[in-house]
Amino acid sequence: MGLEAKLSRNDAVIAVIGMGYVGLPLALNFARSGLRTLGVDIDPEKVSMLNAGGSYIEHIDAGRIAAVREAGNFEATANFSQLTDADAIIICVPTPLTKHRDPDLSYVINTVDALLPHLRKGQLISLESTTYPGTTEEELLPRIATRGFTVGEDFHLVFSPEREDPGNPDFTNSTIPKVIGGTTPACLEAGLAVYGRVCD
């Protein structure tokens, strides 16, 4: 069954890597939409707190986390092997500025390298981390291609820059306009289908 069919039947699994102020609310929105959602983070304390229904981010109410945990739609994990279950993997890891004011891509690259062994055909990979134009095709695509996958056929690759205004109740990541770029037209269609679940 294809990604769009899985989404329409609520059978798709979404994984969001990076449970910070961008990734966590996005994961909660997918979970609230009825999709099984994995929140992936390398910090075991964050994972434990999320699975207990707690919040470590001031503007994210613990009740939102507890609700999707109780519904069975959200699980936090540090285990990258669970990414094999995901139909869409969204990367929301930090890209702090270097001393030269360029984005430090080491978190993004390390994340992609860690998920490579767990990729399978049919998945969508989306980069949301703040970075410079070309990162998706210059850094992510060649790494994923080492698996022998063809973009737009075996997997979909999109870039959709994060859009968070932390703590602003008037503009959430569901209501701020979303930009999505696909490596191929098929990638764009898949990206629109995934983000259409959580964006107005």
C-alpha atoms as a PDB file:
ATOM      1  CA  MET A   1       0.000   0.000   0.000  1.00  0.00           C
ATOM      2  CA  GLY A   2       1.356   3.420  -0.963  1.00  0.00           C
ATOM      3  CA  LEU A   3       1.979   6.337   1.369  1.00  0.00           C
ATOM      4  CA  GLU A   4      -1.092   8.336   0.330  1.00  0.00           C
ATOM      5  CA  ALA A   5      -3.357   5.313   0.777  1.00  0.00           C
ATOM      6  CA  LYS A   6      -1.885   4.663   4.215  1.00  0.00           C
ATOM      7  CA  LEU A   7      -2.471   8.291   5.181  1.00  0.00           C
ATOM      8  CA  SER A   8      -6.092   8.162   4.072  1.00  0.00           C
ATOM      9  CA  ARG A   9      -6.659   5.000   6.136  1.00  0.00           C
ATOM     10  CA  ASN A  10      -4.769   6.356   9.187  1.00  0.00           C
ATOM     11  CA  ASP A  11      -2.323   3.462   8.777  1.00  0.00           C
ATOM     12  CA  ALA A  12       0.770   5.589   8.133  1.00  0.00           C
ATOM     13  CA  VAL A  13       3.473   5.855  10.788  1.00  0.00           C
ATOM     14  CA  ILE A  14       5.237   9.212  11.163  1.00  0.00           C
ATOM     15  CA  ALA A  15       8.643   9.581  12.836  1.00  0.00           C
ATOM     16  CA  VAL A  16       9.955  12.975  13.917  1.00  0.00           C
ATOM     17  CA  ILE A  17      13.642  13.087  14.848  1.00  0.00           C
ATOM     18  CA  GLY A  18      14.545  15.777  17.381  1.00  0.00           C
ATOM     19  CA  MET A  19      12.135  16.419  20.240  1.00  0.00           C
ATOM     20  CA  GLY A  20      12.932  20.094  20.702  1.00  0.00           C
ATOM     21  CA  TYR A  21      10.723  23.163  20.314  1.00  0.00           C
ATOM     22  CA  VAL A  22      10.218  22.407  16.590  1.00  0.00           C
ATOM     23  CA  GLY A  23       9.988  18.621  16.489  1.00  0.00           C
ATOM     24  CA  LEU A  24       7.861  18.003  19.559  1.00  0.00           C
ATOM     25  CA  PRO A  25       4.848  20.160  18.599  1.00  0.00           C
ATOM     26  CA  LEU A  26       4.991  18.771  15.059  1.00  0.00           C
ATOM     27  CA  ALA A  27       4.993  15.197  16.373  1.00  0.00           C
ATOM     28  CA  LEU A  28       2.088  15.991  18.699  1.00  0.00           C
ATOM     29  CA  ASN A  29       0.085  17.411  15.782  1.00  0.00           C
ATOM     30  CA  PHE A  30       0.599  14.243  13.739  1.00  0.00           C
ATOM     31  CA  ALA A  31      -0.377  12.110  16.737  1.00  0.00           C
ATOM     32  CA  ARG A  32      -3.451  14.251  17.385  1.00  0.00           C
ATOM     33  CA  SER A  33      -4.477  13.779  13.737  1.00  0.00           C
ATOM     34  CA  GLY A  34      -4.831  10.060  14.453  1.00  0.00           C
ATOM     35  CA  LEU A  35      -1.537   8.799  13.047  1.00  0.00           C
ATOM     36  CA  ARG A  36       0.851   6.609  15.019  1.00  0.00           C
ATOM     37  CA  THR A  37       3.804   8.891  15.682  1.00  0.00           C
ATOM     38  CA  LEU A  38       7.317   8.176  16.923  1.00  0.00           C
ATOM     39  CA  GLY A  39       9.214  10.978  18.632  1.00  0.00           C
ATOM     40  CA  VAL A  40      12.900  10.139  18.247  1.00  0.00           C
ATOM     41  CA  ASP A  41      15.577  11.752  20.393  1.00  0.00           C
ATOM     42  CA  ILE A  42      19.028  10.691  21.581  1.00  0.00           C
ATOM     43  CA  ASP A  43      18.407  12.186  25.051  1.00  0.00           C
ATOM     44  CA  PRO A  44      17.072   9.369  27.275  1.00  0.00           C
ATOM     45  CA  GLU A  45      15.729  11.863  29.837  1.00  0.00           C
ATOM     46  CA  LYS A  46      13.526  13.519  27.206  1.00  0.00           C
ATOM     47  CA  VAL A  47      12.330  10.113  26.011  1.00  0.00           C
ATOM     48  CA  SER A  48      11.422   9.027  29.550  1.00  0.00           C
ATOM     49  CA  MET A  49       9.629  12.274  30.329  1.00  0.00           C
ATOM     50  CA  LEU A  50       7.611  12.179  27.110  1.00  0.00           C
ATOM     51  CA  ASN A  51       6.586   8.554  27.620  1.00  0.00           C
ATOM     52  CA  ALA A  52       5.450   9.497  31.131  1.00  0.00           C
ATOM     53  CA  GLY A  53       3.260  12.240  29.620  1.00  0.00           C
ATOM     54  CA  GLY A  54       5.471  15.077  30.834  1.00  0.00           C
ATOM     55  CA  SER A  55       6.815  18.188  29.118  1.00  0.00           C
ATOM     56  CA  TYR A  56      10.218  19.872  29.383  1.00  0.00           C
ATOM     57  CA  ILE A  57       9.321  22.776  27.067  1.00  0.00           C
ATOM     58  CA  GLU A  58       7.654  25.705  28.810  1.00  0.00           C
ATOM     59  CA  HIS A  59       5.030  26.539  26.167  1.00  0.00           C
ATOM     60  CA  ILE A  60       4.012  22.902  25.525  1.00  0.00           C
ATOM     61  CA  ASP A  61       1.439  21.745  28.047  1.00  0.00           C
ATOM     62  CA  ALA A  62       1.993  18.261  29.456  1.00  0.00           C
ATOM     63  CA  GLY A  63      -1.705  17.599  28.926  1.00  0.00           C
ATOM     64  CA  ARG A  64      -1.158  17.589  25.151  1.00  0.00           C
ATOM     65  CA  ILE A  65       1.480  14.899  25.518  1.00  0.00           C
ATOM     66  CA  ALA A  66      -0.533  12.858  28.002  1.00  0.00           C
ATOM     67  CA  ALA A  67      -3.575  12.931  25.699  1.00  0.00           C
ATOM     68  CA  VAL A  68      -1.789  11.417  22.693  1.00  0.00           C
ATOM     69  CA  ARG A  69       0.011   8.913  24.923  1.00  0.00           C
ATOM     70  CA  GLU A  70      -3.321   7.770  26.371  1.00  0.00           C
ATOM     71  CA  ALA A  71      -4.791   7.540  22.855  1.00  0.00           C
ATOM     72  CA  GLY A  72      -1.908   5.246  21.899  1.00  0.00           C
ATOM     73  CA  ASN A  73      -0.786   7.488  19.038  1.00  0.00           C
ATOM     74  CA  PHE A  74       2.555   8.733  20.396  1.00  0.00           C
ATOM     75  CA  GLU A  75       5.689   7.003  21.600  1.00  0.00           C
ATOM     76  CA  ALA A  76       9.090   8.523  22.292  1.00  0.00           C
ATOM     77  CA  THR A  77      12.183   6.458  21.589  1.00  0.00           C
ATOM     78  CA  ALA A  78      15.955   6.699  21.309  1.00  0.00           C
ATOM     79  CA  ASN A  79      16.038   3.527  19.213  1.00  0.00           C
ATOM     80  CA  PHE A  80      16.714   4.351  15.567  1.00  0.00           C
ATOM     81  CA  SER A  81      15.861   0.788  14.522  1.00  0.00           C
ATOM     82  CA  GLN A  82      12.188   1.706  15.018  1.00  0.00           C
ATOM     83  CA  LEU A  83      12.490   4.003  11.997  1.00  0.00           C
ATOM     84  CA  THR A  84      12.016   0.946   9.784  1.00  0.00           C
ATOM     85  CA  ASP A  85       8.341   1.084  10.831  1.00  0.00           C
ATOM     86  CA  ALA A  86       7.969   4.712   9.707  1.00  0.00           C
ATOM     87  CA  ASP A  87       6.382   5.720   6.416  1.00  0.00           C
ATOM     88  CA  ALA A  88       7.618   9.307   6.786  1.00  0.00           C
ATOM     89  CA  ILE A  89      10.715  10.481   8.667  1.00  0.00           C
ATOM     90  CA  ILE A  90      10.978  14.184   9.474  1.00  0.00           C
ATOM     91  CA  ILE A  91      14.337  15.555  10.622  1.00  0.00           C
ATOM     92  CA  CYS A  92      14.086  18.460  13.093  1.00  0.00           C
ATOM     93  CA  VAL A  93      17.545  18.503  14.677  1.00  0.00           C
ATOM     94  CA  PRO A  94      19.441  21.686  15.618  1.00  0.00           C
ATOM     95  CA  THR A  95      21.708  23.519  13.170  1.00  0.00           C
ATOM     96  CA  PRO A  96      23.526  26.019  15.421  1.00  0.00           C
ATOM     97  CA  LEU A  97      25.602  28.694  13.752  1.00  0.00           C
ATOM     98  CA  THR A  98      29.356  28.224  13.482  1.00  0.00           C
ATOM     99  CA  LYS A  99      31.814  30.995  14.345  1.00  0.00           C
ATOM    100  CA  HIS A 100      31.571  31.975  10.653  1.00  0.00           C
ATOM    101  CA  ARG A 101      27.758  32.307  11.005  1.00  0.00           C
ATOM    102  CA  ASP A 102      27.060  29.266   8.812  1.00  0.00           C
ATOM    103  CA  PRO A 103      24.689  26.480   9.912  1.00  0.00           C
ATOM    104  CA  ASP A 104      26.542  23.589  11.566  1.00  0.00           C
ATOM    105  CA  LEU A 105      25.208  20.567   9.683  1.00  0.00           C
ATOM    106  CA  SER A 106      26.894  17.960  11.890  1.00  0.00           C
ATOM    107  CA  TYR A 107      23.640  17.083  13.704  1.00  0.00           C
ATOM    108  CA  VAL A 108      21.819  16.667  10.391  1.00  0.00           C
ATOM    109  CA  ILE A 109      24.581  14.554   8.839  1.00  0.00           C
ATOM    110  CA  ASN A 110      24.967  12.397  11.958  1.00  0.00           C
ATOM    111  CA  THR A 111      21.201  11.861  12.027  1.00  0.00           C
ATOM    112  CA  VAL A 112      21.080  10.799   8.381  1.00  0.00           C
ATOM    113  CA  ASP A 113      24.034   8.452   8.889  1.00  0.00           C
ATOM    114  CA  ALA A 114      22.301   6.924  11.932  1.00  0.00           C
ATOM    115  CA  LEU A 115      19.026   6.337  10.096  1.00  0.00           C
ATOM    116  CA  LEU A 116      20.567   4.930   6.881  1.00  0.00           C
ATOM    117  CA  PRO A 117      20.675   1.290   8.071  1.00  0.00           C
ATOM    118  CA  HIS A 118      16.969   1.480   8.921  1.00  0.00           C
ATOM    119  CA  LEU A 119      15.649   2.985   5.682  1.00  0.00           C
ATOM    120  CA  ARG A 120      13.411   0.955   3.411  1.00  0.00           C
ATOM    121  CA  LYS A 121      11.781   1.563   0.063  1.00  0.00           C
ATOM    122  CA  GLY A 122       8.577   3.602   0.058  1.00  0.00           C
ATOM    123  CA  GLN A 123       9.561   6.042   2.805  1.00  0.00           C
ATOM    124  CA  LEU A 124       9.473   9.830   2.691  1.00  0.00           C
ATOM    125  CA  ILE A 125      12.377  11.742   4.241  1.00  0.00           C
ATOM    126  CA  SER A 126      11.828  15.413   5.071  1.00  0.00           C
ATOM    127  CA  LEU A 127      14.413  17.900   6.308  1.00  0.00           C
ATOM    128  CA  GLU A 128      12.976  20.715   8.442  1.00  0.00           C
ATOM    129  CA  SER A 129      16.184  21.853  10.138  1.00  0.00           C
ATOM    130  CA  THR A 130      17.249  25.416   9.311  1.00  0.00           C
ATOM    131  CA  THR A 131      19.992  25.299   6.700  1.00  0.00           C
ATOM    132  CA  TYR A 132      21.188  26.799   3.438  1.00  0.00           C
ATOM    133  CA  PRO A 133      19.715  26.060  -0.020  1.00  0.00           C
ATOM    134  CA  GLY A 134      21.018  22.861  -1.558  1.00  0.00           C
ATOM    135  CA  THR A 135      21.540  20.899   1.657  1.00  0.00           C
ATOM    136  CA  THR A 136      18.867  18.326   0.829  1.00  0.00           C
ATOM    137  CA  GLU A 137      20.305  17.483  -2.594  1.00  0.00           C
ATOM    138  CA  GLU A 138      23.986  17.984  -1.728  1.00  0.00           C
ATOM    139  CA  GLU A 139      24.128  16.294   1.688  1.00  0.00           C
ATOM    140  CA  LEU A 140      21.086  14.030   2.157  1.00  0.00           C
ATOM    141  CA  LEU A 141      20.488  12.691  -1.347  1.00  0.00           C
ATOM    142  CA  PRO A 142      24.004  11.270  -1.940  1.00  0.00           C
ATOM    143  CA  ARG A 143      23.982   9.553   1.461  1.00  0.00           C
ATOM    144  CA  ILE A 144      20.582   7.943   0.922  1.00  0.00           C
ATOM    145  CA  ALA A 145      21.577   6.958  -2.630  1.00  0.00           C
ATOM    146  CA  THR A 146      24.311   4.738  -1.139  1.00  0.00           C
ATOM    147  CA  ARG A 147      21.475   2.367  -0.226  1.00  0.00           C
ATOM    148  CA  GLY A 148      20.825   1.878  -3.939  1.00  0.00           C
ATOM    149  CA  PHE A 149      17.503   3.741  -3.768  1.00  0.00           C
ATOM    150  CA  THR A 150      16.292   5.992  -6.599  1.00  0.00           C
ATOM    151  CA  VAL A 151      14.760   9.281  -5.461  1.00  0.00           C
ATOM    152  CA  GLY A 152      11.163   9.780  -6.572  1.00  0.00           C
ATOM    153  CA  GLU A 153      10.735   6.053  -7.170  1.00  0.00           C
ATOM    154  CA  ASP A 154      12.106   4.061  -4.222  1.00  0.00           C
ATOM    155  CA  PHE A 155      11.840   6.910  -1.702  1.00  0.00           C
ATOM    156  CA  HIS A 156      10.713  10.524  -1.516  1.00  0.00           C
ATOM    157  CA  LEU A 157      12.905  13.414  -0.369  1.00  0.00           C
ATOM    158  CA  VAL A 158      11.588  16.856   0.567  1.00  0.00           C
ATOM    159  CA  PHE A 159      12.724  20.010   2.318  1.00  0.00           C
ATOM    160  CA  SER A 160      10.161  21.879   4.366  1.00  0.00           C
ATOM    161  CA  PRO A 161      11.722  24.548   6.577  1.00  0.00           C
ATOM    162  CA  GLU A 162      10.552  24.643  10.162  1.00  0.00           C
ATOM    163  CA  ARG A 163       7.942  27.246  11.019  1.00  0.00           C
ATOM    164  CA  GLU A 164       7.644  27.674  14.748  1.00  0.00           C
ATOM    165  CA  ASP A 165       6.845  30.794  16.731  1.00  0.00           C
ATOM    166  CA  PRO A 166       7.354  29.322  20.211  1.00  0.00           C
ATOM    167  CA  GLY A 167       4.773  30.326  22.766  1.00  0.00           C
ATOM    168  CA  ASN A 168       2.622  32.327  20.329  1.00  0.00           C
ATOM    169  CA  PRO A 169      -0.923  30.949  20.688  1.00  0.00           C
ATOM    170  CA  ASP A 170      -2.178  32.896  17.655  1.00  0.00           C
ATOM    171  CA  PHE A 171       0.207  31.265  15.163  1.00  0.00           C
ATOM    172  CA  THR A 172       0.899  27.547  15.490  1.00  0.00           C
ATOM    173  CA  ASN A 173       2.711  25.193  13.152  1.00  0.00           C
ATOM    174  CA  SER A 174      -0.745  24.222  11.855  1.00  0.00           C
ATOM    175  CA  THR A 175      -1.704  27.743  10.798  1.00  0.00           C
ATOM    176  CA  ILE A 176       1.552  29.371   9.623  1.00  0.00           C
ATOM    177  CA  PRO A 177       1.892  28.892   5.825  1.00  0.00           C
ATOM    178  CA  LYS A 178       4.069  25.868   5.002  1.00  0.00           C
ATOM    179  CA  VAL A 179       6.659  25.741   2.216  1.00  0.00           C
ATOM    180  CA  ILE A 180       7.467  22.312   0.772  1.00  0.00           C
ATOM    181  CA  GLY A 181      10.046  21.524  -1.892  1.00  0.00           C
ATOM    182  CA  GLY A 182      10.345  18.084  -3.457  1.00  0.00           C
ATOM    183  CA  THR A 183      13.409  16.656  -5.175  1.00  0.00           C
ATOM    184  CA  THR A 184      11.058  15.349  -7.896  1.00  0.00           C
ATOM    185  CA  PRO A 185       7.376  16.009  -8.654  1.00  0.00           C
ATOM    186  CA  ALA A 186       6.500  12.656  -7.044  1.00  0.00           C
ATOM    187  CA  CYS A 187       8.425  13.692  -3.925  1.00  0.00           C
ATOM    188  CA  LEU A 188       6.485  16.951  -3.770  1.00  0.00           C
ATOM    189  CA  GLU A 189       3.154  15.119  -4.049  1.00  0.00           C
ATOM    190  CA  ALA A 190       4.143  12.773  -1.229  1.00  0.00           C
ATOM    191  CA  GLY A 191       5.270  15.705   0.915  1.00  0.00           C
ATOM    192  CA  LEU A 192       1.995  17.538   0.343  1.00  0.00           C
ATOM    193  CA  ALA A 193       0.067  14.429   1.364  1.00  0.00           C
ATOM    194  CA  VAL A 194       2.035  14.033   4.607  1.00  0.00           C
ATOM    195  CA  TYR A 195       1.993  17.670   5.691  1.00  0.00           C
ATOM    196  CA  GLY A 196      -1.617  18.025   4.600  1.00  0.00           C
ATOM    197  CA  ARG A 197      -2.517  16.006   7.693  1.00  0.00           C
ATOM    198  CA  VAL A 198      -1.330  18.745  10.040  1.00  0.00           C
ATOM    199  CA  CYS A 199      -1.280  22.017   8.080  1.00  0.00           C
ATOM    200  CA  ASP A 200      -4.279  24.178   7.218  1.00  0.00           C
END
